[in-house]
Structure formats: C-alpha cells, structure tokens
Amino acid sequence: MDMVNEPTGRFVPLVRVGDVSRARVLAARLEAEGIEVRLHSEALGPYPVTVGEMATTELWVLDDRLEEANAVVLDAEVKEAVGESDIQSDGAVPEFRLVAGILIAIVLLAVILRLMRVF
C-alpha cells in the first residue's frame, strides 16, 4: 500500500496565537512556503470557544521545518509591526489616509480655536 504525502518527521508546536483568524493567516503563509502546518484550538471544534485562553490556537509544523517556519512567522510579525500591508508597492501611503489626517487636523484646530474664544 502506498502512503501518499506521509510526513517524515513529527509535528512540534511552533507558535500560539490568541486569534483564530490570525492563526489561519499565518498557516496560509506557511503553506505558501511549502511548510505543512496543523492548527489545534478549542475555537476550531464543533462548539467554538473564542474567549480567554480557550481561544488560543497553536500552529504545529514538522520538526525538520521548524527553523524555516520560525523565520516565516518572524517575517510576518515584523511586517505587521511596521504596517507594511498599508504601504503600496512604490512605498507611498494610500491617499485616503493623508486626506483623513488633514481633515482630522482641521477639525481639531477648529475646536481649539472655538474653545479659546469661549474662555
């Protein structure tokens, strides 16, 4: 009997994430890199629990791919921290954020000027 795609190593825990959606995004990134991943969480069962410690999701990978998987997760965390997903390919910030920032600044200035006249 042929065993198709049978893992050669054993699965080990990679990271724990407090949000199932984020865990699924990380799993997709790992799978895009060719790293097999398994998710374990109470939130993935037939009666999902998404509160507190029971909402955490563990990502498990094969032990021989652990180092590579750590690099992928670290890359994802760095990109999330610097907000790279909000930056366009040419490095420019989307225009709507700039316009929104200017409008907020104008409203705040108007409120401050109004308060100065009242007192």
PDB file of N, CA and C in Angstrom:
ATOM      1  N   MET A   1       0.834  -1.167   0.000  1.00  0.00           N
ATOM      2  CA  MET A   1       0.000   0.000   0.000  1.00  0.00           C
ATOM      3  C   MET A   1       0.892   1.247   0.000  1.00  0.00           C
ATOM      4  N   ASP A   2       0.643   2.173  -0.915  1.00  0.00           N
ATOM      5  CA  ASP A   2       1.417   3.405  -0.988  1.00  0.00           C
ATOM      6  C   ASP A   2       0.886   4.429  -0.003  1.00  0.00           C
ATOM      7  N   MET A   3       1.816   5.094   0.666  1.00  0.00           N
ATOM      8  CA  MET A   3       1.442   6.188   1.567  1.00  0.00           C
ATOM      9  C   MET A   3       1.745   7.496   0.855  1.00  0.00           C
ATOM     10  N   VAL A   4       0.709   8.239   0.549  1.00  0.00           N
ATOM     11  CA  VAL A   4       0.854   9.486  -0.183  1.00  0.00           C
ATOM     12  C   VAL A   4       0.998  10.639   0.796  1.00  0.00           C
ATOM     13  N   ASN A   5       2.029  11.460   0.596  1.00  0.00           N
ATOM     14  CA  ASN A   5       2.277  12.655   1.404  1.00  0.00           C
ATOM     15  C   ASN A   5       2.347  12.375   2.904  1.00  0.00           C
ATOM     16  N   GLU A   6       2.866  11.242   3.286  1.00  0.00           N
ATOM     17  CA  GLU A   6       3.024  10.916   4.699  1.00  0.00           C
ATOM     18  C   GLU A   6       4.210  11.704   5.250  1.00  0.00           C
ATOM     19  N   PRO A   7       4.019  12.473   6.344  1.00  0.00           N
ATOM     20  CA  PRO A   7       5.121  13.248   6.894  1.00  0.00           C
ATOM     21  C   PRO A   7       6.253  12.343   7.368  1.00  0.00           C
ATOM     22  N   THR A   8       7.487  12.800   7.172  1.00  0.00           N
ATOM     23  CA  THR A   8       8.644  12.004   7.558  1.00  0.00           C
ATOM     24  C   THR A   8       9.080  12.275   8.983  1.00  0.00           C
ATOM     25  N   GLY A   9       8.713  13.414   9.544  1.00  0.00           N
ATOM     26  CA  GLY A   9       9.096  13.754  10.909  1.00  0.00           C
ATOM     27  C   GLY A   9       7.899  13.760  11.828  1.00  0.00           C
ATOM     28  N   ARG A  10       8.061  14.417  12.951  1.00  0.00           N
ATOM     29  CA  ARG A  10       6.933  14.554  13.871  1.00  0.00           C
ATOM     30  C   ARG A  10       6.573  16.025  13.981  1.00  0.00           C
ATOM     31  N   PHE A  11       5.326  16.290  14.281  1.00  0.00           N
ATOM     32  CA  PHE A  11       4.864  17.664  14.415  1.00  0.00           C
ATOM     33  C   PHE A  11       5.216  18.198  15.791  1.00  0.00           C
ATOM     34  N   VAL A  12       5.703  19.436  15.824  1.00  0.00           N
ATOM     35  CA  VAL A  12       6.064  20.114  17.066  1.00  0.00           C
ATOM     36  C   VAL A  12       5.397  21.480  17.087  1.00  0.00           C
ATOM     37  N   PRO A  13       5.119  22.015  18.284  1.00  0.00           N
ATOM     38  CA  PRO A  13       4.473  23.334  18.346  1.00  0.00           C
ATOM     39  C   PRO A  13       5.402  24.434  17.846  1.00  0.00           C
ATOM     40  N   LEU A  14       4.828  25.343  17.078  1.00  0.00           N
ATOM     41  CA  LEU A  14       5.580  26.476  16.542  1.00  0.00           C
ATOM     42  C   LEU A  14       5.263  27.749  17.303  1.00  0.00           C
ATOM     43  N   VAL A  15       3.971  28.096  17.367  1.00  0.00           N
ATOM     44  CA  VAL A  15       3.579  29.352  17.997  1.00  0.00           C
ATOM     45  C   VAL A  15       2.135  29.240  18.465  1.00  0.00           C
ATOM     46  N   ARG A  16       1.796  30.032  19.501  1.00  0.00           N
ATOM     47  CA  ARG A  16       0.419  30.135  19.978  1.00  0.00           C
ATOM     48  C   ARG A  16      -0.083  31.531  19.639  1.00  0.00           C
ATOM     49  N   VAL A  17      -1.294  31.591  19.085  1.00  0.00           N
ATOM     50  CA  VAL A  17      -1.886  32.847  18.649  1.00  0.00           C
ATOM     51  C   VAL A  17      -3.234  32.989  19.346  1.00  0.00           C
ATOM     52  N   GLY A  18      -3.564  34.207  19.783  1.00  0.00           N
ATOM     53  CA  GLY A  18      -4.798  34.442  20.512  1.00  0.00           C
ATOM     54  C   GLY A  18      -6.017  34.634  19.647  1.00  0.00           C
ATOM     55  N   ASP A  19      -5.857  34.631  18.334  1.00  0.00           N
ATOM     56  CA  ASP A  19      -6.963  34.877  17.425  1.00  0.00           C
ATOM     57  C   ASP A  19      -6.947  33.825  16.320  1.00  0.00           C
ATOM     58  N   VAL A  20      -8.077  33.147  16.129  1.00  0.00           N
ATOM     59  CA  VAL A  20      -8.160  32.082  15.134  1.00  0.00           C
ATOM     60  C   VAL A  20      -7.909  32.626  13.731  1.00  0.00           C
ATOM     61  N   SER A  21      -8.432  33.800  13.436  1.00  0.00           N
ATOM     62  CA  SER A  21      -8.240  34.379  12.103  1.00  0.00           C
ATOM     63  C   SER A  21      -6.767  34.625  11.819  1.00  0.00           C
ATOM     64  N   ARG A  22      -6.064  35.173  12.796  1.00  0.00           N
ATOM     65  CA  ARG A  22      -4.624  35.421  12.617  1.00  0.00           C
ATOM     66  C   ARG A  22      -3.872  34.104  12.452  1.00  0.00           C
ATOM     67  N   ALA A  23      -4.288  33.083  13.210  1.00  0.00           N
ATOM     68  CA  ALA A  23      -3.647  31.774  13.086  1.00  0.00           C
ATOM     69  C   ALA A  23      -3.838  31.206  11.680  1.00  0.00           C
ATOM     70  N   ARG A  24      -5.018  31.393  11.122  1.00  0.00           N
ATOM     71  CA  ARG A  24      -5.278  30.890   9.774  1.00  0.00           C
ATOM     72  C   ARG A  24      -4.460  31.648   8.728  1.00  0.00           C
ATOM     73  N   VAL A  25      -4.268  32.946   8.944  1.00  0.00           N
ATOM     74  CA  VAL A  25      -3.444  33.736   8.022  1.00  0.00           C
ATOM     75  C   VAL A  25      -1.991  33.252   8.093  1.00  0.00           C
ATOM     76  N   LEU A  26      -1.483  33.034   9.319  1.00  0.00           N
ATOM     77  CA  LEU A  26      -0.115  32.522   9.464  1.00  0.00           C
ATOM     78  C   LEU A  26       0.014  31.137   8.830  1.00  0.00           C
ATOM     79  N   ALA A  27      -1.006  30.301   9.018  1.00  0.00           N
ATOM     80  CA  ALA A  27      -0.980  28.962   8.426  1.00  0.00           C
ATOM     81  C   ALA A  27      -0.930  29.052   6.901  1.00  0.00           C
ATOM     82  N   ALA A  28      -1.679  29.974   6.339  1.00  0.00           N
ATOM     83  CA  ALA A  28      -1.670  30.157   4.886  1.00  0.00           C
ATOM     84  C   ALA A  28      -0.295  30.614   4.407  1.00  0.00           C
ATOM     85  N   ARG A  29       0.335  31.513   5.163  1.00  0.00           N
ATOM     86  CA  ARG A  29       1.696  31.962   4.786  1.00  0.00           C
ATOM     87  C   ARG A  29       2.673  30.801   4.822  1.00  0.00           C
ATOM     88  N   LEU A  30       2.571  29.974   5.870  1.00  0.00           N
ATOM     89  CA  LEU A  30       3.474  28.825   5.986  1.00  0.00           C
ATOM     90  C   LEU A  30       3.236  27.848   4.839  1.00  0.00           C
ATOM     91  N   GLU A  31       1.988  27.569   4.535  1.00  0.00           N
ATOM     92  CA  GLU A  31       1.672  26.644   3.448  1.00  0.00           C
ATOM     93  C   GLU A  31       2.120  27.201   2.104  1.00  0.00           C
ATOM     94  N   ALA A  32       2.073  28.517   1.939  1.00  0.00           N
ATOM     95  CA  ALA A  32       2.562  29.139   0.707  1.00  0.00           C
ATOM     96  C   ALA A  32       4.063  28.934   0.539  1.00  0.00           C
ATOM     97  N   GLU A  33       4.755  28.758   1.659  1.00  0.00           N
ATOM     98  CA  GLU A  33       6.198  28.499   1.621  1.00  0.00           C
ATOM     99  C   GLU A  33       6.498  26.998   1.532  1.00  0.00           C
ATOM    100  N   GLY A  34       5.440  26.193   1.422  1.00  0.00           N
ATOM    101  CA  GLY A  34       5.623  24.753   1.307  1.00  0.00           C
ATOM    102  C   GLY A  34       5.791  24.046   2.643  1.00  0.00           C
ATOM    103  N   ILE A  35       5.415  24.705   3.722  1.00  0.00           N
ATOM    104  CA  ILE A  35       5.552  24.130   5.055  1.00  0.00           C
ATOM    105  C   ILE A  35       4.181  23.608   5.503  1.00  0.00           C
ATOM    106  N   GLU A  36       4.108  22.312   5.761  1.00  0.00           N
ATOM    107  CA  GLU A  36       2.851  21.723   6.224  1.00  0.00           C
ATOM    108  C   GLU A  36       2.588  22.194   7.654  1.00  0.00           C
ATOM    109  N   VAL A  37       1.358  22.597   7.913  1.00  0.00           N
ATOM    110  CA  VAL A  37       1.013  23.142   9.225  1.00  0.00           C
ATOM    111  C   VAL A  37      -0.303  22.547   9.693  1.00  0.00           C
ATOM    112  N   ARG A  38      -0.403  22.369  10.999  1.00  0.00           N
ATOM    113  CA  ARG A  38      -1.646  21.899  11.614  1.00  0.00           C
ATOM    114  C   ARG A  38      -2.048  22.877  12.697  1.00  0.00           C
ATOM    115  N   LEU A  39      -3.343  23.130  12.779  1.00  0.00           N
ATOM    116  CA  LEU A  39      -3.887  24.041  13.787  1.00  0.00           C
ATOM    117  C   LEU A  39      -4.591  23.230  14.864  1.00  0.00           C
ATOM    118  N   HIS A  40      -4.380  23.631  16.131  1.00  0.00           N
ATOM    119  CA  HIS A  40      -5.048  22.998  17.267  1.00  0.00           C
ATOM    120  C   HIS A  40      -5.647  24.092  18.125  1.00  0.00           C
ATOM    121  N   SER A  41      -6.981  24.002  18.354  1.00  0.00           N
ATOM    122  CA  SER A  41      -7.647  25.012  19.167  1.00  0.00           C
ATOM    123  C   SER A  41      -9.040  24.556  19.540  1.00  0.00           C
ATOM    124  N   GLU A  42      -9.498  24.977  20.706  1.00  0.00           N
ATOM    125  CA  GLU A  42     -10.887  24.752  21.102  1.00  0.00           C
ATOM    126  C   GLU A  42     -11.815  25.567  20.211  1.00  0.00           C
ATOM    127  N   ALA A  43     -11.303  26.637  19.645  1.00  0.00           N
ATOM    128  CA  ALA A  43     -12.109  27.517  18.792  1.00  0.00           C
ATOM    129  C   ALA A  43     -12.385  26.907  17.424  1.00  0.00           C
ATOM    130  N   LEU A  44     -11.750  25.787  17.101  1.00  0.00           N
ATOM    131  CA  LEU A  44     -11.930  25.161  15.794  1.00  0.00           C
ATOM    132  C   LEU A  44     -12.876  23.963  15.845  1.00  0.00           C
ATOM    133  N   GLY A  45     -13.383  23.643  17.020  1.00  0.00           N
ATOM    134  CA  GLY A  45     -14.247  22.484  17.168  1.00  0.00           C
ATOM    135  C   GLY A  45     -15.683  22.768  16.775  1.00  0.00           C
ATOM    136  N   PRO A  46     -16.552  21.791  16.994  1.00  0.00           N
ATOM    137  CA  PRO A  46     -17.963  21.962  16.631  1.00  0.00           C
ATOM    138  C   PRO A  46     -18.659  23.030  17.481  1.00  0.00           C
ATOM    139  N   TYR A  47     -18.153  23.259  18.691  1.00  0.00           N
ATOM    140  CA  TYR A  47     -18.693  24.294  19.575  1.00  0.00           C
ATOM    141  C   TYR A  47     -17.564  25.270  19.896  1.00  0.00           C
ATOM    142  N   PRO A  48     -17.281  26.182  18.986  1.00  0.00           N
ATOM    143  CA  PRO A  48     -16.112  27.055  19.138  1.00  0.00           C
ATOM    144  C   PRO A  48     -16.183  27.945  20.373  1.00  0.00           C
ATOM    145  N   VAL A  49     -15.068  27.982  21.087  1.00  0.00           N
ATOM    146  CA  VAL A  49     -14.924  28.853  22.243  1.00  0.00           C
ATOM    147  C   VAL A  49     -13.905  29.920  21.867  1.00  0.00           C
ATOM    148  N   THR A  50     -14.339  31.161  21.859  1.00  0.00           N
ATOM    149  CA  THR A  50     -13.455  32.235  21.408  1.00  0.00           C
ATOM    150  C   THR A  50     -13.211  33.259  22.506  1.00  0.00           C
ATOM    151  N   VAL A  51     -13.190  32.797  23.756  1.00  0.00           N
ATOM    152  CA  VAL A  51     -12.980  33.696  24.889  1.00  0.00           C
ATOM    153  C   VAL A  51     -11.826  33.164  25.728  1.00  0.00           C
ATOM    154  N   GLY A  52     -10.958  34.062  26.122  1.00  0.00           N
ATOM    155  CA  GLY A  52      -9.884  33.714  27.041  1.00  0.00           C
ATOM    156  C   GLY A  52      -8.868  32.745  26.464  1.00  0.00           C
ATOM    157  N   GLU A  53      -8.302  31.956  27.357  1.00  0.00           N
ATOM    158  CA  GLU A  53      -7.239  31.026  26.995  1.00  0.00           C
ATOM    159  C   GLU A  53      -7.719  29.954  26.017  1.00  0.00           C
ATOM    160  N   MET A  54      -8.999  29.621  26.069  1.00  0.00           N
ATOM    161  CA  MET A  54      -9.517  28.582  25.174  1.00  0.00           C
ATOM    162  C   MET A  54      -9.609  29.064  23.728  1.00  0.00           C
ATOM    163  N   ALA A  55      -9.451  30.359  23.504  1.00  0.00           N
ATOM    164  CA  ALA A  55      -9.493  30.900  22.148  1.00  0.00           C
ATOM    165  C   ALA A  55      -8.145  30.821  21.458  1.00  0.00           C
ATOM    166  N   THR A  56      -7.093  30.503  22.199  1.00  0.00           N
ATOM    167  CA  THR A  56      -5.771  30.445  21.578  1.00  0.00           C
ATOM    168  C   THR A  56      -5.695  29.286  20.595  1.00  0.00           C
ATOM    169  N   THR A  57      -4.911  29.497  19.572  1.00  0.00           N
ATOM    170  CA  THR A  57      -4.708  28.485  18.545  1.00  0.00           C
ATOM    171  C   THR A  57      -3.221  28.200  18.440  1.00  0.00           C
ATOM    172  N   GLU A  58      -2.883  26.927  18.437  1.00  0.00           N
ATOM    173  CA  GLU A  58      -1.488  26.521  18.281  1.00  0.00           C
ATOM    174  C   GLU A  58      -1.238  26.112  16.840  1.00  0.00           C
ATOM    175  N   LEU A  59      -0.121  26.547  16.301  1.00  0.00           N
ATOM    176  CA  LEU A  59       0.321  26.124  14.977  1.00  0.00           C
ATOM    177  C   LEU A  59       1.447  25.118  15.176  1.00  0.00           C
ATOM    178  N   TRP A  60       1.324  23.971  14.555  1.00  0.00           N
ATOM    179  CA  TRP A  60       2.316  22.913  14.650  1.00  0.00           C
ATOM    180  C   TRP A  60       2.900  22.659  13.265  1.00  0.00           C
ATOM    181  N   VAL A  61       4.206  22.441  13.213  1.00  0.00           N
ATOM    182  CA  VAL A  61       4.891  22.132  11.952  1.00  0.00           C
ATOM    183  C   VAL A  61       5.802  20.928  12.175  1.00  0.00           C
ATOM    184  N   LEU A  62       6.263  20.348  11.077  1.00  0.00           N
ATOM    185  CA  LEU A  62       7.202  19.233  11.178  1.00  0.00           C
ATOM    186  C   LEU A  62       8.509  19.720  11.785  1.00  0.00           C
ATOM    187  N   ASP A  63       9.105  18.885  12.626  1.00  0.00           N
ATOM    188  CA  ASP A  63      10.312  19.303  13.336  1.00  0.00           C
ATOM    189  C   ASP A  63      11.467  19.667  12.411  1.00  0.00           C
ATOM    190  N   ASP A  64      11.542  19.052  11.236  1.00  0.00           N
ATOM    191  CA  ASP A  64      12.635  19.379  10.321  1.00  0.00           C
ATOM    192  C   ASP A  64      12.403  20.691   9.562  1.00  0.00           C
ATOM    193  N   ARG A  65      11.226  21.302   9.704  1.00  0.00           N
ATOM    194  CA  ARG A  65      10.928  22.592   9.064  1.00  0.00           C
ATOM    195  C   ARG A  65      10.741  23.704  10.099  1.00  0.00           C
ATOM    196  N   LEU A  66      11.025  23.407  11.373  1.00  0.00           N
ATOM    197  CA  LEU A  66      10.774  24.354  12.456  1.00  0.00           C
ATOM    198  C   LEU A  66      11.550  25.657  12.284  1.00  0.00           C
ATOM    199  N   GLU A  67      12.805  25.585  11.954  1.00  0.00           N
ATOM    200  CA  GLU A  67      13.622  26.791  11.803  1.00  0.00           C
ATOM    201  C   GLU A  67      13.097  27.676  10.670  1.00  0.00           C
ATOM    202  N   GLU A  68      12.777  27.071   9.556  1.00  0.00           N
ATOM    203  CA  GLU A  68      12.229  27.819   8.417  1.00  0.00           C
ATOM    204  C   GLU A  68      10.874  28.434   8.770  1.00  0.00           C
ATOM    205  N   ALA A  69      10.050  27.673   9.489  1.00  0.00           N
ATOM    206  CA  ALA A  69       8.735  28.173   9.908  1.00  0.00           C
ATOM    207  C   ALA A  69       8.879  29.349  10.864  1.00  0.00           C
ATOM    208  N   ASN A  70       9.844  29.289  11.774  1.00  0.00           N
ATOM    209  CA  ASN A  70      10.097  30.415  12.683  1.00  0.00           C
ATOM    210  C   ASN A  70      10.454  31.671  11.906  1.00  0.00           C
ATOM    211  N   ALA A  71      11.241  31.520  10.855  1.00  0.00           N
ATOM    212  CA  ALA A  71      11.618  32.674  10.033  1.00  0.00           C
ATOM    213  C   ALA A  71      10.397  33.278   9.333  1.00  0.00           C
ATOM    214  N   VAL A  72       9.496  32.437   8.863  1.00  0.00           N
ATOM    215  CA  VAL A  72       8.278  32.930   8.198  1.00  0.00           C
ATOM    216  C   VAL A  72       7.401  33.687   9.187  1.00  0.00           C
ATOM    217  N   VAL A  73       7.233  33.140  10.395  1.00  0.00           N
ATOM    218  CA  VAL A  73       6.415  33.793  11.420  1.00  0.00           C
ATOM    219  C   VAL A  73       7.053  35.114  11.846  1.00  0.00           C
ATOM    220  N   LEU A  74       8.364  35.130  12.023  1.00  0.00           N
ATOM    221  CA  LEU A  74       9.062  36.359  12.388  1.00  0.00           C
ATOM    222  C   LEU A  74       8.892  37.417  11.315  1.00  0.00           C
ATOM    223  N   ASP A  75       9.007  37.020  10.059  1.00  0.00           N
ATOM    224  CA  ASP A  75       8.809  37.949   8.947  1.00  0.00           C
ATOM    225  C   ASP A  75       7.394  38.531   8.971  1.00  0.00           C
ATOM    226  N   ALA A  76       6.407  37.686   9.235  1.00  0.00           N
ATOM    227  CA  ALA A  76       5.019  38.150   9.294  1.00  0.00           C
ATOM    228  C   ALA A  76       4.820  39.132  10.447  1.00  0.00           C
ATOM    229  N   GLU A  77       5.433  38.861  11.600  1.00  0.00           N
ATOM    230  CA  GLU A  77       5.301  39.756  12.748  1.00  0.00           C
ATOM    231  C   GLU A  77       5.966  41.104  12.495  1.00  0.00           C
ATOM    232  N   VAL A  78       7.118  41.092  11.862  1.00  0.00           N
ATOM    233  CA  VAL A  78       7.817  42.343  11.544  1.00  0.00           C
ATOM    234  C   VAL A  78       6.993  43.166  10.571  1.00  0.00           C
ATOM    235  N   LYS A  79       6.466  42.516   9.537  1.00  0.00           N
ATOM    236  CA  LYS A  79       5.647  43.243   8.561  1.00  0.00           C
ATOM    237  C   LYS A  79       4.396  43.804   9.208  1.00  0.00           C
ATOM    238  N   GLU A  80       3.805  43.064  10.138  1.00  0.00           N
ATOM    239  CA  GLU A  80       2.621  43.556  10.839  1.00  0.00           C
ATOM    240  C   GLU A  80       2.977  44.738  11.736  1.00  0.00           C
ATOM    241  N   ALA A  81       4.125  44.671  12.389  1.00  0.00           N
ATOM    242  CA  ALA A  81       4.538  45.734  13.302  1.00  0.00           C
ATOM    243  C   ALA A  81       4.809  47.050  12.576  1.00  0.00           C
ATOM    244  N   VAL A  82       5.394  46.975  11.399  1.00  0.00           N
ATOM    245  CA  VAL A  82       5.696  48.203  10.659  1.00  0.00           C
ATOM    246  C   VAL A  82       4.571  48.600   9.731  1.00  0.00           C
ATOM    247  N   GLY A  83       3.511  47.790   9.678  1.00  0.00           N
ATOM    248  CA  GLY A  83       2.365  48.127   8.853  1.00  0.00           C
ATOM    249  C   GLY A  83       2.652  48.052   7.378  1.00  0.00           C
ATOM    250  N   GLU A  84       3.475  47.108   6.977  1.00  0.00           N
ATOM    251  CA  GLU A  84       3.861  47.012   5.563  1.00  0.00           C
ATOM    252  C   GLU A  84       2.672  46.776   4.653  1.00  0.00           C
ATOM    253  N   SER A  85       1.641  46.131   5.169  1.00  0.00           N
ATOM    254  CA  SER A  85       0.486  45.867   4.314  1.00  0.00           C
ATOM    255  C   SER A  85      -0.237  47.148   3.925  1.00  0.00           C
ATOM    256  N   ASP A  86      -0.003  48.246   4.668  1.00  0.00           N
ATOM    257  CA  ASP A  86      -0.623  49.524   4.339  1.00  0.00           C
ATOM    258  C   ASP A  86       0.203  50.338   3.351  1.00  0.00           C
ATOM    259  N   ILE A  87       1.351  49.837   2.976  1.00  0.00           N
ATOM    260  CA  ILE A  87       2.242  50.561   2.079  1.00  0.00           C
ATOM    261  C   ILE A  87       2.105  49.990   0.680  1.00  0.00           C
ATOM    262  N   GLN A  88       1.962  50.876  -0.300  1.00  0.00           N
ATOM    263  CA  GLN A  88       1.840  50.429  -1.676  1.00  0.00           C
ATOM    264  C   GLN A  88       3.193  49.966  -2.184  1.00  0.00           C
ATOM    265  N   SER A  89       3.208  49.322  -3.338  1.00  0.00           N
ATOM    266  CA  SER A  89       4.446  48.757  -3.865  1.00  0.00           C
ATOM    267  C   SER A  89       5.510  49.816  -4.131  1.00  0.00           C
ATOM    268  N   ASP A  90       5.106  51.066  -4.398  1.00  0.00           N
ATOM    269  CA  ASP A  90       6.090  52.119  -4.634  1.00  0.00           C
ATOM    270  C   ASP A  90       6.494  52.818  -3.339  1.00  0.00           C
ATOM    271  N   GLY A  91       5.987  52.340  -2.187  1.00  0.00           N
ATOM    272  CA  GLY A  91       6.359  52.905  -0.898  1.00  0.00           C
ATOM    273  C   GLY A  91       5.485  54.056  -0.450  1.00  0.00           C
ATOM    274  N   ALA A  92       4.476  54.421  -1.232  1.00  0.00           N
ATOM    275  CA  ALA A  92       3.624  55.557  -0.889  1.00  0.00           C
ATOM    276  C   ALA A  92       2.487  55.119   0.026  1.00  0.00           C
ATOM    277  N   VAL A  93       2.103  55.999   0.947  1.00  0.00           N
ATOM    278  CA  VAL A  93       0.961  55.739   1.811  1.00  0.00           C
ATOM    279  C   VAL A  93      -0.292  56.042   1.009  1.00  0.00           C
ATOM    280  N   PRO A  94      -1.326  55.219   1.146  1.00  0.00           N
ATOM    281  CA  PRO A  94      -2.556  55.482   0.393  1.00  0.00           C
ATOM    282  C   PRO A  94      -3.081  56.895   0.647  1.00  0.00           C
ATOM    283  N   GLU A  95      -3.596  57.529  -0.397  1.00  0.00           N
ATOM    284  CA  GLU A  95      -4.017  58.927  -0.334  1.00  0.00           C
ATOM    285  C   GLU A  95      -5.145  59.172   0.655  1.00  0.00           C
ATOM    286  N   PHE A  96      -6.060  58.226   0.802  1.00  0.00           N
ATOM    287  CA  PHE A  96      -7.188  58.452   1.692  1.00  0.00           C
ATOM    288  C   PHE A  96      -6.745  58.658   3.130  1.00  0.00           C
ATOM    289  N   ARG A  97      -5.671  58.036   3.555  1.00  0.00           N
ATOM    290  CA  ARG A  97      -5.160  58.241   4.920  1.00  0.00           C
ATOM    291  C   ARG A  97      -4.611  59.660   5.076  1.00  0.00           C
ATOM    292  N   LEU A  98      -3.969  60.149   4.063  1.00  0.00           N
ATOM    293  CA  LEU A  98      -3.444  61.506   4.106  1.00  0.00           C
ATOM    294  C   LEU A  98      -4.590  62.508   4.192  1.00  0.00           C
ATOM    295  N   VAL A  99      -5.601  62.336   3.374  1.00  0.00           N
ATOM    296  CA  VAL A  99      -6.756  63.240   3.386  1.00  0.00           C
ATOM    297  C   VAL A  99      -7.464  63.163   4.741  1.00  0.00           C
ATOM    298  N   ALA A 100      -7.645  61.955   5.265  1.00  0.00           N
ATOM    299  CA  ALA A 100      -8.307  61.795   6.559  1.00  0.00           C
ATOM    300  C   ALA A 100      -7.501  62.486   7.667  1.00  0.00           C
ATOM    301  N   GLY A 101      -6.203  62.372   7.618  1.00  0.00           N
ATOM    302  CA  GLY A 101      -5.353  63.031   8.612  1.00  0.00           C
ATOM    303  C   GLY A 101      -5.470  64.540   8.551  1.00  0.00           C
ATOM    304  N   ILE A 102      -5.507  65.080   7.357  1.00  0.00           N
ATOM    305  CA  ILE A 102      -5.653  66.529   7.194  1.00  0.00           C
ATOM    306  C   ILE A 102      -7.007  66.994   7.714  1.00  0.00           C
ATOM    307  N   LEU A 103      -8.059  66.250   7.393  1.00  0.00           N
ATOM    308  CA  LEU A 103      -9.393  66.619   7.876  1.00  0.00           C
ATOM    309  C   LEU A 103      -9.479  66.569   9.404  1.00  0.00           C
ATOM    310  N   ILE A 104      -8.900  65.579   9.999  1.00  0.00           N
ATOM    311  CA  ILE A 104      -8.895  65.490  11.471  1.00  0.00           C
ATOM    312  C   ILE A 104      -8.135  66.662  12.070  1.00  0.00           C
ATOM    313  N   ALA A 105      -7.009  67.027  11.485  1.00  0.00           N
ATOM    314  CA  ALA A 105      -6.231  68.155  11.980  1.00  0.00           C
ATOM    315  C   ALA A 105      -7.028  69.457  11.884  1.00  0.00           C
ATOM    316  N   ILE A 106      -7.761  69.649  10.797  1.00  0.00           N
ATOM    317  CA  ILE A 106      -8.573  70.859  10.623  1.00  0.00           C
ATOM    318  C   ILE A 106      -9.685  70.919  11.667  1.00  0.00           C
ATOM    319  N   VAL A 107     -10.357  69.788  11.897  1.00  0.00           N
ATOM    320  CA  VAL A 107     -11.427  69.754  12.891  1.00  0.00           C
ATOM    321  C   VAL A 107     -10.877  70.042  14.285  1.00  0.00           C
ATOM    322  N   LEU A 108      -9.759  69.441  14.631  1.00  0.00           N
ATOM    323  CA  LEU A 108      -9.151  69.701  15.937  1.00  0.00           C
ATOM    324  C   LEU A 108      -8.750  71.164  16.086  1.00  0.00           C
ATOM    325  N   LEU A 109      -8.205  71.756  15.057  1.00  0.00           N
ATOM    326  CA  LEU A 109      -7.826  73.158  15.103  1.00  0.00           C
ATOM    327  C   LEU A 109      -9.054  74.035  15.294  1.00  0.00           C
ATOM    328  N   ALA A 110     -10.148  73.713  14.591  1.00  0.00           N
ATOM    329  CA  ALA A 110     -11.385  74.483  14.739  1.00  0.00           C
ATOM    330  C   ALA A 110     -11.931  74.374  16.154  1.00  0.00           C
ATOM    331  N   VAL A 111     -11.881  73.196  16.739  1.00  0.00           N
ATOM    332  CA  VAL A 111     -12.357  73.003  18.116  1.00  0.00           C
ATOM    333  C   VAL A 111     -11.497  73.795  19.093  1.00  0.00           C
ATOM    334  N   ILE A 112     -10.212  73.768  18.914  1.00  0.00           N
ATOM    335  CA  ILE A 112      -9.314  74.505  19.811  1.00  0.00           C
ATOM    336  C   ILE A 112      -9.566  76.012  19.703  1.00  0.00           C
ATOM    337  N   LEU A 113      -9.692  76.500  18.482  1.00  0.00           N
ATOM    338  CA  LEU A 113      -9.958  77.928  18.300  1.00  0.00           C
ATOM    339  C   LEU A 113     -11.304  78.307  18.906  1.00  0.00           C
ATOM    340  N   ARG A 114     -12.281  77.456  18.767  1.00  0.00           N
ATOM    341  CA  ARG A 114     -13.604  77.721  19.344  1.00  0.00           C
ATOM    342  C   ARG A 114     -13.508  77.781  20.865  1.00  0.00           C
ATOM    343  N   LEU A 115     -12.787  76.872  21.472  1.00  0.00           N
ATOM    344  CA  LEU A 115     -12.636  76.865  22.930  1.00  0.00           C
ATOM    345  C   LEU A 115     -11.895  78.094  23.423  1.00  0.00           C
ATOM    346  N   MET A 116     -10.941  78.564  22.643  1.00  0.00           N
ATOM    347  CA  MET A 116     -10.174  79.754  23.049  1.00  0.00           C
ATOM    348  C   MET A 116     -11.080  80.987  23.064  1.00  0.00           C
ATOM    349  N   ARG A 117     -12.058  81.072  22.173  1.00  0.00           N
ATOM    350  CA  ARG A 117     -12.971  82.202  22.145  1.00  0.00           C
ATOM    351  C   ARG A 117     -13.944  82.138  23.317  1.00  0.00           C
ATOM    352  N   VAL A 118     -14.339  80.956  23.732  1.00  0.00           N
ATOM    353  CA  VAL A 118     -15.309  80.804  24.811  1.00  0.00           C
ATOM    354  C   VAL A 118     -14.696  81.230  26.136  1.00  0.00           C
ATOM    355  N   PHE A 119     -13.451  80.880  26.383  1.00  0.00           N
ATOM    356  CA  PHE A 119     -12.839  81.213  27.654  1.00  0.00           C
ATOM    357  C   PHE A 119     -12.176  82.528  27.507  1.00  0.00           C
TER     358      PHE A 119
END
